[in-house]
Amino acid sequence: MASRQPSARPRASGLIHRNVRHTTRYVVVGNHLAQHRELSLVAIGLSVHLQSLPAGTPVNVKALAARFPESELKIASAMRELERYGYLTRTRERLPDGRFVPRTVSYNRPGADPDASPVTPTPPPPPPPPPQDAPTAPPGKPAREGTVREAAPAPLAEPDRPAVDLLAGLRAYEPRLLLSERDVRRLAPGVRAWLERGAHPDAVRRTLCADLPGGLISPAGLITHRLLALLPPPLPTVPPAPTPPDPLQNCDDCDRAFRSAAPGRCGDCRATAREAA
């Protein structure tokens, strides 16, 4: 029987991985979530669970509390954490029949465009043939046909211009809210909805810049959440002003005061005059 050697060096302390490659029933999680410095362990685990579920699964607080031992308060707090850092959005959408239904969207990478196709490496193209002698266009003259020009971005709609200016200028008030031109164009309709509901641009700017979390990863995701979750209600309709009463007049017969648009007799004197006639 082999005995343990007292002189053997002990194994270094710390984590040791025993990994097996998954081929079915697995979910890919980024280190930006798994090692997030601001999120709680409950929030990180909740986000991983949400990313593993199929679309259409009920994920309200009561359904999650029935599935896990954590209380509804702890799960609700974790969901608010995920909303704060752009990993989750919760909204209510109105159906054509007038009913409202909840919509919960989980983001495995806040701020990224899920519609963008992944970039795959392509083999290098073959070397081009040697150029042939061709006359070049002199300066100031238009290029010849076939010249590839960079496509200019689509012009902005005029109603979106104030919203675009507000979003592009956020970095002057909070350097961490530096947005790309693509994010500015995508978020402009949300800001326009605030302005159309009577919100002052300064109030919108303060709401988007206030109480930013430490270690902000996705400014666009945070702004998306705040524009949806904090959208103010429309201003109430101002009722029409009441019609002012007729001015006071003195009766031509009895000199008693009465209200009428024009001078003349009061109601009693008019009735007496009709009876006498």
C-alpha atoms as a PDB file:
ATOM      1  CA  MET A   1       0.000   0.000   0.000  1.00  0.00           C
ATOM      2  CA  ALA A   2       1.462   3.307  -1.074  1.00  0.00           C
ATOM      3  CA  SER A   3       1.915   5.848   1.685  1.00  0.00           C
ATOM      4  CA  ARG A   4       1.628   9.621   1.369  1.00  0.00           C
ATOM      5  CA  GLN A   5       4.980  11.290   1.036  1.00  0.00           C
ATOM      6  CA  PRO A   6       5.365  13.947   3.753  1.00  0.00           C
ATOM      7  CA  SER A   7       7.762  15.893   1.562  1.00  0.00           C
ATOM      8  CA  ALA A   8       5.262  16.253  -1.370  1.00  0.00           C
ATOM      9  CA  ARG A   9       4.375  19.853  -2.166  1.00  0.00           C
ATOM     10  CA  PRO A  10       0.674  20.688  -1.524  1.00  0.00           C
ATOM     11  CA  ARG A  11      -1.480  21.711  -4.482  1.00  0.00           C
ATOM     12  CA  ALA A  12      -1.980  25.442  -4.897  1.00  0.00           C
ATOM     13  CA  SER A  13      -5.214  26.727  -3.402  1.00  0.00           C
ATOM     14  CA  GLY A  14      -7.979  28.307  -5.504  1.00  0.00           C
ATOM     15  CA  LEU A  15     -10.465  27.307  -8.166  1.00  0.00           C
ATOM     16  CA  ILE A  16      -9.869  24.257 -10.338  1.00  0.00           C
ATOM     17  CA  HIS A  17     -11.987  23.695 -13.457  1.00  0.00           C
ATOM     18  CA  ARG A  18     -13.165  20.253 -14.585  1.00  0.00           C
ATOM     19  CA  ASN A  19     -14.975  21.242 -17.775  1.00  0.00           C
ATOM     20  CA  VAL A  20     -16.758  19.137 -20.365  1.00  0.00           C
ATOM     21  CA  ARG A  21     -17.772  20.621 -23.730  1.00  0.00           C
ATOM     22  CA  HIS A  22     -21.556  20.940 -24.071  1.00  0.00           C
ATOM     23  CA  THR A  23     -23.217  19.891 -27.308  1.00  0.00           C
ATOM     24  CA  THR A  24     -26.923  20.206 -26.361  1.00  0.00           C
ATOM     25  CA  ARG A  25     -29.080  22.198 -23.913  1.00  0.00           C
ATOM     26  CA  TYR A  26     -26.642  24.971 -23.054  1.00  0.00           C
ATOM     27  CA  VAL A  27     -26.552  28.774 -23.117  1.00  0.00           C
ATOM     28  CA  VAL A  28     -23.601  31.066 -23.815  1.00  0.00           C
ATOM     29  CA  VAL A  29     -23.031  33.757 -21.182  1.00  0.00           C
ATOM     30  CA  GLY A  30     -20.565  36.612 -21.538  1.00  0.00           C
ATOM     31  CA  ASN A  31     -18.061  37.476 -18.824  1.00  0.00           C
ATOM     32  CA  HIS A  32     -19.452  41.003 -18.797  1.00  0.00           C
ATOM     33  CA  LEU A  33     -22.454  39.431 -17.022  1.00  0.00           C
ATOM     34  CA  ALA A  34     -20.886  36.507 -15.167  1.00  0.00           C
ATOM     35  CA  GLN A  35     -18.172  38.751 -13.651  1.00  0.00           C
ATOM     36  CA  HIS A  36     -20.168  41.991 -13.372  1.00  0.00           C
ATOM     37  CA  ARG A  37     -18.774  44.081 -10.507  1.00  0.00           C
ATOM     38  CA  GLU A  38     -22.016  45.917  -9.657  1.00  0.00           C
ATOM     39  CA  LEU A  39     -24.741  43.276 -10.044  1.00  0.00           C
ATOM     40  CA  SER A  40     -25.658  41.034  -7.117  1.00  0.00           C
ATOM     41  CA  LEU A  41     -25.253  37.280  -7.343  1.00  0.00           C
ATOM     42  CA  VAL A  42     -29.054  36.866  -7.443  1.00  0.00           C
ATOM     43  CA  ALA A  43     -29.313  39.287 -10.387  1.00  0.00           C
ATOM     44  CA  ILE A  44     -26.532  37.515 -12.317  1.00  0.00           C
ATOM     45  CA  GLY A  45     -28.157  34.123 -11.740  1.00  0.00           C
ATOM     46  CA  LEU A  46     -31.565  35.466 -12.716  1.00  0.00           C
ATOM     47  CA  SER A  47     -30.213  36.874 -15.988  1.00  0.00           C
ATOM     48  CA  VAL A  48     -28.570  33.531 -16.826  1.00  0.00           C
ATOM     49  CA  HIS A  49     -31.857  31.740 -16.107  1.00  0.00           C
ATOM     50  CA  LEU A  50     -33.837  34.155 -18.312  1.00  0.00           C
ATOM     51  CA  GLN A  51     -31.376  33.711 -21.188  1.00  0.00           C
ATOM     52  CA  SER A  52     -31.795  29.930 -20.970  1.00  0.00           C
ATOM     53  CA  LEU A  53     -35.599  30.002 -21.289  1.00  0.00           C
ATOM     54  CA  PRO A  54     -37.454  29.658 -24.603  1.00  0.00           C
ATOM     55  CA  ALA A  55     -39.357  32.649 -25.969  1.00  0.00           C
ATOM     56  CA  GLY A  56     -42.854  33.029 -24.574  1.00  0.00           C
ATOM     57  CA  THR A  57     -42.112  31.600 -21.110  1.00  0.00           C
ATOM     58  CA  PRO A  58     -43.921  33.536 -18.315  1.00  0.00           C
ATOM     59  CA  VAL A  59     -41.242  35.381 -16.314  1.00  0.00           C
ATOM     60  CA  ASN A  60     -43.192  37.662 -14.011  1.00  0.00           C
ATOM     61  CA  VAL A  61     -42.179  37.967 -10.369  1.00  0.00           C
ATOM     62  CA  LYS A  62     -44.822  35.519  -9.109  1.00  0.00           C
ATOM     63  CA  ALA A  63     -43.860  32.861 -11.689  1.00  0.00           C
ATOM     64  CA  LEU A  64     -40.168  33.141 -10.785  1.00  0.00           C
ATOM     65  CA  ALA A  65     -40.899  33.084  -7.039  1.00  0.00           C
ATOM     66  CA  ALA A  66     -42.880  29.862  -7.537  1.00  0.00           C
ATOM     67  CA  ARG A  67     -39.876  28.334  -9.340  1.00  0.00           C
ATOM     68  CA  PHE A  68     -37.073  29.406  -6.947  1.00  0.00           C
ATOM     69  CA  PRO A  69     -36.724  29.644  -3.146  1.00  0.00           C
ATOM     70  CA  GLU A  70     -36.028  33.415  -3.251  1.00  0.00           C
ATOM     71  CA  SER A  71     -38.859  35.703  -2.167  1.00  0.00           C
ATOM     72  CA  GLU A  72     -40.824  37.973  -4.503  1.00  0.00           C
ATOM     73  CA  LEU A  73     -39.105  41.012  -2.988  1.00  0.00           C
ATOM     74  CA  LYS A  74     -35.638  39.635  -3.700  1.00  0.00           C
ATOM     75  CA  ILE A  75     -36.565  38.631  -7.270  1.00  0.00           C
ATOM     76  CA  ALA A  76     -38.176  42.022  -7.935  1.00  0.00           C
ATOM     77  CA  SER A  77     -35.027  43.752  -6.646  1.00  0.00           C
ATOM     78  CA  ALA A  78     -32.844  41.598  -8.922  1.00  0.00           C
ATOM     79  CA  MET A  79     -35.009  42.456 -11.945  1.00  0.00           C
ATOM     80  CA  ARG A  80     -34.629  46.157 -11.189  1.00  0.00           C
ATOM     81  CA  GLU A  81     -30.853  45.678 -11.082  1.00  0.00           C
ATOM     82  CA  LEU A  82     -30.901  44.051 -14.512  1.00  0.00           C
ATOM     83  CA  GLU A  83     -33.051  46.897 -15.860  1.00  0.00           C
ATOM     84  CA  ARG A  84     -30.615  49.462 -14.457  1.00  0.00           C
ATOM     85  CA  TYR A  85     -27.680  47.940 -16.345  1.00  0.00           C
ATOM     86  CA  GLY A  86     -29.545  47.226 -19.589  1.00  0.00           C
ATOM     87  CA  TYR A  87     -29.885  43.436 -19.297  1.00  0.00           C
ATOM     88  CA  LEU A  88     -33.692  43.560 -19.037  1.00  0.00           C
ATOM     89  CA  THR A  89     -36.633  45.746 -20.072  1.00  0.00           C
ATOM     90  CA  ARG A  90     -40.241  45.405 -18.904  1.00  0.00           C
ATOM     91  CA  THR A  91     -43.009  47.255 -20.723  1.00  0.00           C
ATOM     92  CA  ARG A  92     -46.750  47.018 -21.345  1.00  0.00           C
ATOM     93  CA  GLU A  93     -48.055  46.866 -24.906  1.00  0.00           C
ATOM     94  CA  ARG A  94     -51.599  47.558 -26.009  1.00  0.00           C
ATOM     95  CA  LEU A  95     -53.291  44.952 -28.191  1.00  0.00           C
ATOM     96  CA  PRO A  96     -55.730  45.854 -31.005  1.00  0.00           C
ATOM     97  CA  ASP A  97     -58.648  44.887 -28.734  1.00  0.00           C
ATOM     98  CA  GLY A  98     -57.563  47.458 -26.126  1.00  0.00           C
ATOM     99  CA  ARG A  99     -56.076  45.034 -23.590  1.00  0.00           C
ATOM    100  CA  PHE A 100     -52.566  45.601 -22.178  1.00  0.00           C
ATOM    101  CA  VAL A 101     -50.070  42.750 -21.966  1.00  0.00           C
ATOM    102  CA  PRO A 102     -46.629  42.742 -20.302  1.00  0.00           C
ATOM    103  CA  ARG A 103     -43.524  42.429 -22.455  1.00  0.00           C
ATOM    104  CA  THR A 104     -40.206  41.325 -20.922  1.00  0.00           C
ATOM    105  CA  VAL A 105     -37.054  41.445 -23.065  1.00  0.00           C
ATOM    106  CA  SER A 106     -33.775  39.860 -21.904  1.00  0.00           C
ATOM    107  CA  TYR A 107     -30.501  41.141 -23.421  1.00  0.00           C
ATOM    108  CA  ASN A 108     -27.494  38.835 -23.393  1.00  0.00           C
ATOM    109  CA  ARG A 109     -25.296  41.764 -24.447  1.00  0.00           C
ATOM    110  CA  PRO A 110     -26.710  45.218 -23.653  1.00  0.00           C
ATOM    111  CA  GLY A 111     -26.245  47.798 -26.357  1.00  0.00           C
ATOM    112  CA  ALA A 112     -25.486  45.318 -29.146  1.00  0.00           C
ATOM    113  CA  ASP A 113     -27.684  45.070 -32.226  1.00  0.00           C
ATOM    114  CA  PRO A 114     -29.258  41.578 -32.348  1.00  0.00           C
ATOM    115  CA  ASP A 115     -30.118  42.027 -36.028  1.00  0.00           C
ATOM    116  CA  ALA A 116     -26.517  42.593 -37.077  1.00  0.00           C
ATOM    117  CA  SER A 117     -25.068  39.528 -38.772  1.00  0.00           C
ATOM    118  CA  PRO A 118     -21.858  38.188 -37.224  1.00  0.00           C
ATOM    119  CA  VAL A 119     -18.671  38.985 -39.031  1.00  0.00           C
ATOM    120  CA  THR A 120     -17.057  35.837 -40.423  1.00  0.00           C
ATOM    121  CA  PRO A 121     -13.524  35.801 -41.722  1.00  0.00           C
ATOM    122  CA  THR A 122     -13.307  35.508 -45.465  1.00  0.00           C
ATOM    123  CA  PRO A 123     -10.301  34.389 -47.481  1.00  0.00           C
ATOM    124  CA  PRO A 124      -8.281  37.221 -48.929  1.00  0.00           C
ATOM    125  CA  PRO A 125      -9.277  38.134 -52.484  1.00  0.00           C
ATOM    126  CA  PRO A 126      -6.907  37.358 -55.318  1.00  0.00           C
ATOM    127  CA  PRO A 127      -4.483  40.111 -56.204  1.00  0.00           C
ATOM    128  CA  PRO A 128      -5.950  42.583 -58.693  1.00  0.00           C
ATOM    129  CA  PRO A 129      -4.614  42.670 -62.254  1.00  0.00           C
ATOM    130  CA  PRO A 130      -1.995  45.294 -62.994  1.00  0.00           C
ATOM    131  CA  PRO A 131      -3.619  48.666 -63.662  1.00  0.00           C
ATOM    132  CA  GLN A 132      -3.893  49.831 -67.218  1.00  0.00           C
ATOM    133  CA  ASP A 133      -3.013  53.293 -68.300  1.00  0.00           C
ATOM    134  CA  ALA A 134      -6.154  55.399 -68.133  1.00  0.00           C
ATOM    135  CA  PRO A 135      -6.671  59.128 -68.127  1.00  0.00           C
ATOM    136  CA  THR A 136      -7.382  60.496 -64.659  1.00  0.00           C
ATOM    137  CA  ALA A 137      -9.996  63.128 -64.068  1.00  0.00           C
ATOM    138  CA  PRO A 138      -8.454  66.531 -63.400  1.00  0.00           C
ATOM    139  CA  PRO A 139      -9.207  68.230 -60.083  1.00  0.00           C
ATOM    140  CA  GLY A 140     -12.626  69.852 -59.916  1.00  0.00           C
ATOM    141  CA  LYS A 141     -14.240  67.545 -62.490  1.00  0.00           C
ATOM    142  CA  PRO A 142     -16.739  64.779 -61.610  1.00  0.00           C
ATOM    143  CA  ALA A 143     -15.499  61.236 -61.293  1.00  0.00           C
ATOM    144  CA  ARG A 144     -16.024  58.784 -64.120  1.00  0.00           C
ATOM    145  CA  GLU A 145     -18.925  56.356 -64.121  1.00  0.00           C
ATOM    146  CA  GLY A 146     -18.343  53.265 -62.031  1.00  0.00           C
ATOM    147  CA  THR A 147     -16.595  55.089 -59.199  1.00  0.00           C
ATOM    148  CA  VAL A 148     -17.812  53.758 -55.834  1.00  0.00           C
ATOM    149  CA  ARG A 149     -18.856  56.487 -53.458  1.00  0.00           C
ATOM    150  CA  GLU A 150     -19.550  56.076 -49.787  1.00  0.00           C
ATOM    151  CA  ALA A 151     -23.289  56.077 -49.094  1.00  0.00           C
ATOM    152  CA  ALA A 152     -24.415  59.044 -47.065  1.00  0.00           C
ATOM    153  CA  PRO A 153     -26.691  58.409 -44.064  1.00  0.00           C
ATOM    154  CA  ALA A 154     -30.394  58.801 -44.661  1.00  0.00           C
ATOM    155  CA  PRO A 155     -31.649  62.320 -43.914  1.00  0.00           C
ATOM    156  CA  LEU A 156     -33.384  62.805 -40.606  1.00  0.00           C
ATOM    157  CA  ALA A 157     -37.077  63.505 -40.383  1.00  0.00           C
ATOM    158  CA  GLU A 158     -37.700  67.074 -39.292  1.00  0.00           C
ATOM    159  CA  PRO A 159     -39.666  66.094 -36.120  1.00  0.00           C
ATOM    160  CA  ASP A 160     -36.661  64.011 -34.945  1.00  0.00           C
ATOM    161  CA  ARG A 161     -34.142  66.872 -35.159  1.00  0.00           C
ATOM    162  CA  PRO A 162     -34.713  68.223 -31.575  1.00  0.00           C
ATOM    163  CA  ALA A 163     -34.537  64.682 -30.191  1.00  0.00           C
ATOM    164  CA  VAL A 164     -31.318  63.929 -32.081  1.00  0.00           C
ATOM    165  CA  ASP A 165     -29.713  67.157 -30.883  1.00  0.00           C
ATOM    166  CA  LEU A 166     -30.684  66.348 -27.277  1.00  0.00           C
ATOM    167  CA  LEU A 167     -29.235  62.813 -27.428  1.00  0.00           C
ATOM    168  CA  ALA A 168     -26.041  63.875 -29.193  1.00  0.00           C
ATOM    169  CA  GLY A 169     -25.487  66.609 -26.602  1.00  0.00           C
ATOM    170  CA  LEU A 170     -25.804  64.348 -23.530  1.00  0.00           C
ATOM    171  CA  ARG A 171     -22.041  63.786 -23.489  1.00  0.00           C
ATOM    172  CA  ALA A 172     -21.535  67.480 -22.764  1.00  0.00           C
ATOM    173  CA  TYR A 173     -23.417  66.994 -19.463  1.00  0.00           C
ATOM    174  CA  GLU A 174     -22.301  63.418 -18.691  1.00  0.00           C
ATOM    175  CA  PRO A 175     -19.211  62.080 -20.554  1.00  0.00           C
ATOM    176  CA  ARG A 176     -20.280  58.467 -19.922  1.00  0.00           C
ATOM    177  CA  LEU A 177     -23.366  58.964 -22.131  1.00  0.00           C
ATOM    178  CA  LEU A 178     -21.377  58.988 -25.355  1.00  0.00           C
ATOM    179  CA  LEU A 179     -23.667  57.519 -28.039  1.00  0.00           C
ATOM    180  CA  SER A 180     -22.914  56.395 -31.561  1.00  0.00           C
ATOM    181  CA  GLU A 181     -24.714  58.010 -34.481  1.00  0.00           C
ATOM    182  CA  ARG A 182     -26.620  54.767 -35.022  1.00  0.00           C
ATOM    183  CA  ASP A 183     -27.815  54.725 -31.385  1.00  0.00           C
ATOM    184  CA  VAL A 184     -28.825  58.386 -31.594  1.00  0.00           C
ATOM    185  CA  ARG A 185     -31.012  57.718 -34.644  1.00  0.00           C
ATOM    186  CA  ARG A 186     -32.534  54.617 -32.993  1.00  0.00           C
ATOM    187  CA  LEU A 187     -33.364  56.400 -29.724  1.00  0.00           C
ATOM    188  CA  ALA A 188     -34.655  59.637 -31.293  1.00  0.00           C
ATOM    189  CA  PRO A 189     -38.316  58.446 -31.569  1.00  0.00           C
ATOM    190  CA  GLY A 190     -38.329  57.681 -27.828  1.00  0.00           C
ATOM    191  CA  VAL A 191     -37.153  61.195 -26.944  1.00  0.00           C
ATOM    192  CA  ARG A 192     -39.643  62.669 -29.419  1.00  0.00           C
ATOM    193  CA  ALA A 193     -42.464  60.871 -27.546  1.00  0.00           C
ATOM    194  CA  TRP A 194     -41.380  62.660 -24.353  1.00  0.00           C
ATOM    195  CA  LEU A 195     -41.299  66.042 -26.084  1.00  0.00           C
ATOM    196  CA  GLU A 196     -44.697  65.471 -27.696  1.00  0.00           C
ATOM    197  CA  ARG A 197     -46.152  64.824 -24.229  1.00  0.00           C
ATOM    198  CA  GLY A 198     -45.058  68.244 -23.031  1.00  0.00           C
ATOM    199  CA  ALA A 199     -41.780  67.310 -21.307  1.00  0.00           C
ATOM    200  CA  HIS A 200     -39.241  70.144 -21.403  1.00  0.00           C
ATOM    201  CA  PRO A 201     -35.875  69.219 -23.008  1.00  0.00           C
ATOM    202  CA  ASP A 202     -34.067  70.115 -19.763  1.00  0.00           C
ATOM    203  CA  ALA A 203     -36.325  67.714 -17.832  1.00  0.00           C
ATOM    204  CA  VAL A 204     -35.626  64.909 -20.341  1.00  0.00           C
ATOM    205  CA  ARG A 205     -31.893  65.586 -20.098  1.00  0.00           C
ATOM    206  CA  ARG A 206     -31.922  65.531 -16.288  1.00  0.00           C
ATOM    207  CA  THR A 207     -33.841  62.225 -16.254  1.00  0.00           C
ATOM    208  CA  LEU A 208     -31.373  60.544 -18.615  1.00  0.00           C
ATOM    209  CA  CYS A 209     -28.265  61.861 -16.832  1.00  0.00           C
ATOM    210  CA  ALA A 210     -29.343  61.395 -13.196  1.00  0.00           C
ATOM    211  CA  ASP A 211     -27.951  58.687 -10.875  1.00  0.00           C
ATOM    212  CA  LEU A 212     -25.893  56.777 -13.426  1.00  0.00           C
ATOM    213  CA  PRO A 213     -24.646  53.417 -12.087  1.00  0.00           C
ATOM    214  CA  GLY A 214     -20.971  52.816 -11.576  1.00  0.00           C
ATOM    215  CA  GLY A 215     -19.223  50.786 -14.239  1.00  0.00           C
ATOM    216  CA  LEU A 216     -21.785  51.679 -16.902  1.00  0.00           C
ATOM    217  CA  ILE A 217     -21.348  49.240 -19.800  1.00  0.00           C
ATOM    218  CA  SER A 218     -24.149  50.166 -22.190  1.00  0.00           C
ATOM    219  CA  PRO A 219     -25.226  53.834 -22.251  1.00  0.00           C
ATOM    220  CA  ALA A 220     -27.669  53.098 -25.076  1.00  0.00           C
ATOM    221  CA  GLY A 221     -29.273  50.237 -23.120  1.00  0.00           C
ATOM    222  CA  LEU A 222     -29.682  52.414 -20.022  1.00  0.00           C
ATOM    223  CA  ILE A 223     -31.253  55.247 -22.032  1.00  0.00           C
ATOM    224  CA  THR A 224     -33.580  52.778 -23.783  1.00  0.00           C
ATOM    225  CA  HIS A 225     -34.807  51.520 -20.410  1.00  0.00           C
ATOM    226  CA  ARG A 226     -35.339  54.999 -18.969  1.00  0.00           C
ATOM    227  CA  LEU A 227     -37.178  56.272 -22.045  1.00  0.00           C
ATOM    228  CA  LEU A 228     -39.610  53.344 -21.861  1.00  0.00           C
ATOM    229  CA  ALA A 229     -39.985  52.936 -18.086  1.00  0.00           C
ATOM    230  CA  LEU A 230     -40.191  56.631 -17.152  1.00  0.00           C
ATOM    231  CA  LEU A 231     -42.303  57.920 -20.051  1.00  0.00           C
ATOM    232  CA  PRO A 232     -44.638  60.585 -18.592  1.00  0.00           C
ATOM    233  CA  PRO A 233     -48.391  60.457 -19.295  1.00  0.00           C
ATOM    234  CA  PRO A 234     -49.919  62.866 -21.830  1.00  0.00           C
ATOM    235  CA  LEU A 235     -50.975  66.244 -20.545  1.00  0.00           C
ATOM    236  CA  PRO A 236     -54.696  66.443 -19.668  1.00  0.00           C
ATOM    237  CA  THR A 237     -56.956  68.236 -22.096  1.00  0.00           C
ATOM    238  CA  VAL A 238     -57.670  71.799 -21.006  1.00  0.00           C
ATOM    239  CA  PRO A 239     -61.470  72.276 -20.655  1.00  0.00           C
ATOM    240  CA  PRO A 240     -62.994  75.207 -22.565  1.00  0.00           C
ATOM    241  CA  ALA A 241     -63.465  78.429 -20.651  1.00  0.00           C
ATOM    242  CA  PRO A 242     -67.020  78.899 -19.300  1.00  0.00           C
ATOM    243  CA  THR A 243     -69.276  81.346 -21.113  1.00  0.00           C
ATOM    244  CA  PRO A 244     -69.516  84.601 -19.123  1.00  0.00           C
ATOM    245  CA  PRO A 245     -73.021  85.532 -17.865  1.00  0.00           C
ATOM    246  CA  ASP A 246     -75.035  88.313 -19.498  1.00  0.00           C
ATOM    247  CA  PRO A 247     -74.488  91.786 -18.025  1.00  0.00           C
ATOM    248  CA  LEU A 248     -76.915  93.370 -15.590  1.00  0.00           C
ATOM    249  CA  GLN A 249     -79.561  95.676 -17.085  1.00  0.00           C
ATOM    250  CA  ASN A 250     -82.177  97.957 -15.430  1.00  0.00           C
ATOM    251  CA  CYS A 251     -85.787  97.267 -16.459  1.00  0.00           C
ATOM    252  CA  ASP A 252     -87.275 100.154 -18.441  1.00  0.00           C
ATOM    253  CA  ASP A 253     -90.602  99.849 -16.517  1.00  0.00           C
ATOM    254  CA  CYS A 254     -89.852  98.854 -12.909  1.00  0.00           C
ATOM    255  CA  ASP A 255     -86.144  99.814 -12.835  1.00  0.00           C
ATOM    256  CA  ARG A 256     -85.335  96.401 -11.343  1.00  0.00           C
ATOM    257  CA  ALA A 257     -81.983  94.811 -12.220  1.00  0.00           C
ATOM    258  CA  PHE A 258     -81.964  91.716 -14.424  1.00  0.00           C
ATOM    259  CA  ARG A 259     -79.447  89.963 -16.677  1.00  0.00           C
ATOM    260  CA  SER A 260     -79.809  90.304 -20.420  1.00  0.00           C
ATOM    261  CA  ALA A 261     -77.633  90.749 -23.451  1.00  0.00           C
ATOM    262  CA  ALA A 262     -79.551  93.962 -24.382  1.00  0.00           C
ATOM    263  CA  PRO A 263     -81.464  96.563 -22.338  1.00  0.00           C
ATOM    264  CA  GLY A 264     -85.286  96.399 -22.146  1.00  0.00           C
ATOM    265  CA  ARG A 265     -87.927  94.987 -19.840  1.00  0.00           C
ATOM    266  CA  CYS A 266     -87.466  92.271 -17.236  1.00  0.00           C
ATOM    267  CA  GLY A 267     -89.354  89.021 -17.481  1.00  0.00           C
ATOM    268  CA  ASP A 268     -92.160  90.047 -15.126  1.00  0.00           C
ATOM    269  CA  CYS A 269     -92.819  93.320 -16.967  1.00  0.00           C
ATOM    270  CA  ARG A 270     -92.854  91.572 -20.339  1.00  0.00           C
ATOM    271  CA  ALA A 271     -95.438  89.081 -19.023  1.00  0.00           C
ATOM    272  CA  THR A 272     -97.584  91.916 -17.595  1.00  0.00           C
ATOM    273  CA  ALA A 273     -97.444  93.740 -20.900  1.00  0.00           C
ATOM    274  CA  ARG A 274     -98.590  90.611 -22.779  1.00  0.00           C
ATOM    275  CA  GLU A 275    -101.514  90.094 -20.403  1.00  0.00           C
ATOM    276  CA  ALA A 276    -102.596  93.762 -20.762  1.00  0.00           C
ATOM    277  CA  ALA A 277    -102.525  93.435 -24.507  1.00  0.00           C
END
